[in-house]
């Protein structure tokens, strides 16, 4: 993917390009070396913190405790970072995230 896009649940998955703006579903974090999980129609509760994800990734049963249903959104998380996204977003606009396309 180049550029790498994040997006809400209505954004299609695939290889993102400037012409075909698709959200990457093969994300990997270069900070914690974890696969980035994504959950359609959910956002993360504001009380989420680093330790919550460090202790609970990737067990969905434990993560559900801080997931809020929101139609059209998508919740992303690895072991060290998390985001709730509504619309199509270029990953480069968020300098704090160390996520890259893990290749399709």
C-alpha atoms as a PDB file:
ATOM      1  CA  UNK A   1       0.000   0.000   0.000  1.00  0.00           C
ATOM      2  CA  UNK A   2       1.249   3.436  -0.853  1.00  0.00           C
ATOM      3  CA  UNK A   3      -0.087   5.522   0.741  1.00  0.00           C
ATOM      4  CA  UNK A   4      -1.482   3.453   3.625  1.00  0.00           C
ATOM      5  CA  UNK A   5      -5.087   4.278   4.519  1.00  0.00           C
ATOM      6  CA  UNK A   6      -7.179   3.662   7.627  1.00  0.00           C
ATOM      7  CA  UNK A   7     -10.945   3.955   7.385  1.00  0.00           C
ATOM      8  CA  UNK A   8     -14.351   3.299   8.838  1.00  0.00           C
ATOM      9  CA  UNK A   9     -16.334   0.113   8.254  1.00  0.00           C
ATOM     10  CA  UNK A  10     -17.765   1.425   4.959  1.00  0.00           C
ATOM     11  CA  UNK A  11     -14.241   1.782   3.496  1.00  0.00           C
ATOM     12  CA  UNK A  12     -13.279  -1.271   1.408  1.00  0.00           C
ATOM     13  CA  UNK A  13     -10.143  -3.332   2.177  1.00  0.00           C
ATOM     14  CA  UNK A  14      -7.359  -3.849  -0.303  1.00  0.00           C
ATOM     15  CA  UNK A  15      -4.142  -2.396  -1.625  1.00  0.00           C
ATOM     16  CA  UNK A  16      -4.282   1.359  -1.198  1.00  0.00           C
ATOM     17  CA  UNK A  17      -2.995   3.696  -3.908  1.00  0.00           C
ATOM     18  CA  UNK A  18      -3.612   7.341  -4.794  1.00  0.00           C
ATOM     19  CA  UNK A  19      -6.175   6.142  -7.353  1.00  0.00           C
ATOM     20  CA  UNK A  20      -7.691   3.224  -5.411  1.00  0.00           C
ATOM     21  CA  UNK A  21      -8.196   4.523  -1.873  1.00  0.00           C
ATOM     22  CA  UNK A  22      -8.645   1.270   0.033  1.00  0.00           C
ATOM     23  CA  UNK A  23      -7.907   0.580   3.695  1.00  0.00           C
ATOM     24  CA  UNK A  24      -5.037  -1.743   4.493  1.00  0.00           C
ATOM     25  CA  UNK A  25      -6.047  -4.891   6.380  1.00  0.00           C
ATOM     26  CA  UNK A  26      -2.466  -6.210   6.672  1.00  0.00           C
ATOM     27  CA  UNK A  27      -1.092  -3.608   9.094  1.00  0.00           C
ATOM     28  CA  UNK A  28       1.863  -4.380  11.344  1.00  0.00           C
ATOM     29  CA  UNK A  29       3.334  -2.210  14.113  1.00  0.00           C
ATOM     30  CA  UNK A  30       7.079  -1.512  13.900  1.00  0.00           C
ATOM     31  CA  UNK A  31       7.170  -0.522  17.596  1.00  0.00           C
ATOM     32  CA  UNK A  32       5.726  -3.692  19.202  1.00  0.00           C
ATOM     33  CA  UNK A  33       6.003  -5.980  16.125  1.00  0.00           C
ATOM     34  CA  UNK A  34       2.348  -6.972  16.499  1.00  0.00           C
ATOM     35  CA  UNK A  35      -0.320  -7.453  13.832  1.00  0.00           C
ATOM     36  CA  UNK A  36      -2.855  -4.587  13.968  1.00  0.00           C
ATOM     37  CA  UNK A  37      -6.348  -5.936  14.665  1.00  0.00           C
ATOM     38  CA  UNK A  38      -9.404  -4.140  13.323  1.00  0.00           C
ATOM     39  CA  UNK A  39     -13.013  -4.295  14.415  1.00  0.00           C
ATOM     40  CA  UNK A  40     -15.833  -3.015  12.204  1.00  0.00           C
ATOM     41  CA  UNK A  41     -18.605  -0.887  13.709  1.00  0.00           C
ATOM     42  CA  UNK A  42     -16.749  -0.327  17.009  1.00  0.00           C
ATOM     43  CA  UNK A  43     -14.731   2.440  18.651  1.00  0.00           C
ATOM     44  CA  UNK A  44     -12.492   2.315  21.718  1.00  0.00           C
ATOM     45  CA  UNK A  45     -13.691   3.680  25.041  1.00  0.00           C
ATOM     46  CA  UNK A  46     -11.838   6.831  26.164  1.00  0.00           C
ATOM     47  CA  UNK A  47     -10.594   5.002  29.271  1.00  0.00           C
ATOM     48  CA  UNK A  48      -8.353   2.730  27.145  1.00  0.00           C
ATOM     49  CA  UNK A  49      -4.675   2.928  27.980  1.00  0.00           C
ATOM     50  CA  UNK A  50      -1.371   1.297  27.060  1.00  0.00           C
ATOM     51  CA  UNK A  51      -1.574  -1.369  29.781  1.00  0.00           C
ATOM     52  CA  UNK A  52      -5.063  -2.419  28.705  1.00  0.00           C
ATOM     53  CA  UNK A  53      -3.833  -3.295  25.206  1.00  0.00           C
ATOM     54  CA  UNK A  54      -0.499  -4.674  26.399  1.00  0.00           C
ATOM     55  CA  UNK A  55      -2.294  -7.125  28.714  1.00  0.00           C
ATOM     56  CA  UNK A  56      -5.278  -8.026  26.524  1.00  0.00           C
ATOM     57  CA  UNK A  57      -4.184  -8.121  22.869  1.00  0.00           C
ATOM     58  CA  UNK A  58      -5.218 -10.074  20.828  1.00  0.00           C
ATOM     59  CA  UNK A  59      -7.936 -11.728  22.954  1.00  0.00           C
ATOM     60  CA  UNK A  60     -11.251 -10.389  21.660  1.00  0.00           C
ATOM     61  CA  UNK A  61     -13.143 -11.604  24.729  1.00  0.00           C
ATOM     62  CA  UNK A  62     -11.023  -9.304  26.930  1.00  0.00           C
ATOM     63  CA  UNK A  63     -10.953  -6.390  24.447  1.00  0.00           C
ATOM     64  CA  UNK A  64     -14.766  -6.258  24.265  1.00  0.00           C
ATOM     65  CA  UNK A  65     -14.819  -4.727  27.761  1.00  0.00           C
ATOM     66  CA  UNK A  66     -13.725  -1.378  26.262  1.00  0.00           C
ATOM     67  CA  UNK A  67     -15.360  -1.543  22.835  1.00  0.00           C
ATOM     68  CA  UNK A  68     -18.350   0.659  22.044  1.00  0.00           C
ATOM     69  CA  UNK A  69     -20.662  -0.145  19.121  1.00  0.00           C
ATOM     70  CA  UNK A  70     -20.691   2.672  16.543  1.00  0.00           C
ATOM     71  CA  UNK A  71     -22.063   2.082  13.056  1.00  0.00           C
ATOM     72  CA  UNK A  72     -19.648   3.109  10.319  1.00  0.00           C
ATOM     73  CA  UNK A  73     -16.560   3.266  12.543  1.00  0.00           C
ATOM     74  CA  UNK A  74     -13.598   0.895  12.787  1.00  0.00           C
ATOM     75  CA  UNK A  75     -11.441   0.278  15.879  1.00  0.00           C
ATOM     76  CA  UNK A  76      -7.747  -0.467  15.238  1.00  0.00           C
ATOM     77  CA  UNK A  77      -5.224  -1.713  17.815  1.00  0.00           C
ATOM     78  CA  UNK A  78      -1.870  -3.388  18.283  1.00  0.00           C
ATOM     79  CA  UNK A  79      -0.184  -3.970  21.647  1.00  0.00           C
ATOM     80  CA  UNK A  80       1.051  -0.380  22.013  1.00  0.00           C
ATOM     81  CA  UNK A  81      -1.303   1.876  19.994  1.00  0.00           C
ATOM     82  CA  UNK A  82      -4.984   2.177  19.172  1.00  0.00           C
ATOM     83  CA  UNK A  83      -7.271   4.362  17.098  1.00  0.00           C
ATOM     84  CA  UNK A  84     -10.970   4.747  16.354  1.00  0.00           C
ATOM     85  CA  UNK A  85     -11.570   5.862  12.759  1.00  0.00           C
ATOM     86  CA  UNK A  86     -14.761   7.083  11.067  1.00  0.00           C
ATOM     87  CA  UNK A  87     -13.655   8.228   7.620  1.00  0.00           C
ATOM     88  CA  UNK A  88     -10.835   7.481   5.189  1.00  0.00           C
ATOM     89  CA  UNK A  89      -7.541   8.701   6.689  1.00  0.00           C
ATOM     90  CA  UNK A  90      -4.003   8.670   5.323  1.00  0.00           C
ATOM     91  CA  UNK A  91      -1.811   6.960   7.935  1.00  0.00           C
ATOM     92  CA  UNK A  92       0.940   9.567   7.400  1.00  0.00           C
ATOM     93  CA  UNK A  93      -1.255  12.243   9.001  1.00  0.00           C
ATOM     94  CA  UNK A  94      -0.803  10.519  12.384  1.00  0.00           C
ATOM     95  CA  UNK A  95       2.907  10.716  13.239  1.00  0.00           C
ATOM     96  CA  UNK A  96       2.467   8.831  16.529  1.00  0.00           C
ATOM     97  CA  UNK A  97       1.424   5.559  14.875  1.00  0.00           C
ATOM     98  CA  UNK A  98       4.240   3.232  13.821  1.00  0.00           C
ATOM     99  CA  UNK A  99       2.036   1.090  11.564  1.00  0.00           C
ATOM    100  CA  UNK A 100       3.075  -0.086   8.111  1.00  0.00           C
ATOM    101  CA  UNK A 101       1.562  -2.320   5.447  1.00  0.00           C
ATOM    102  CA  UNK A 102       2.688  -5.880   6.186  1.00  0.00           C
ATOM    103  CA  UNK A 103       2.347  -6.777   2.457  1.00  0.00           C
ATOM    104  CA  UNK A 104      -0.651  -8.270   0.684  1.00  0.00           C
END
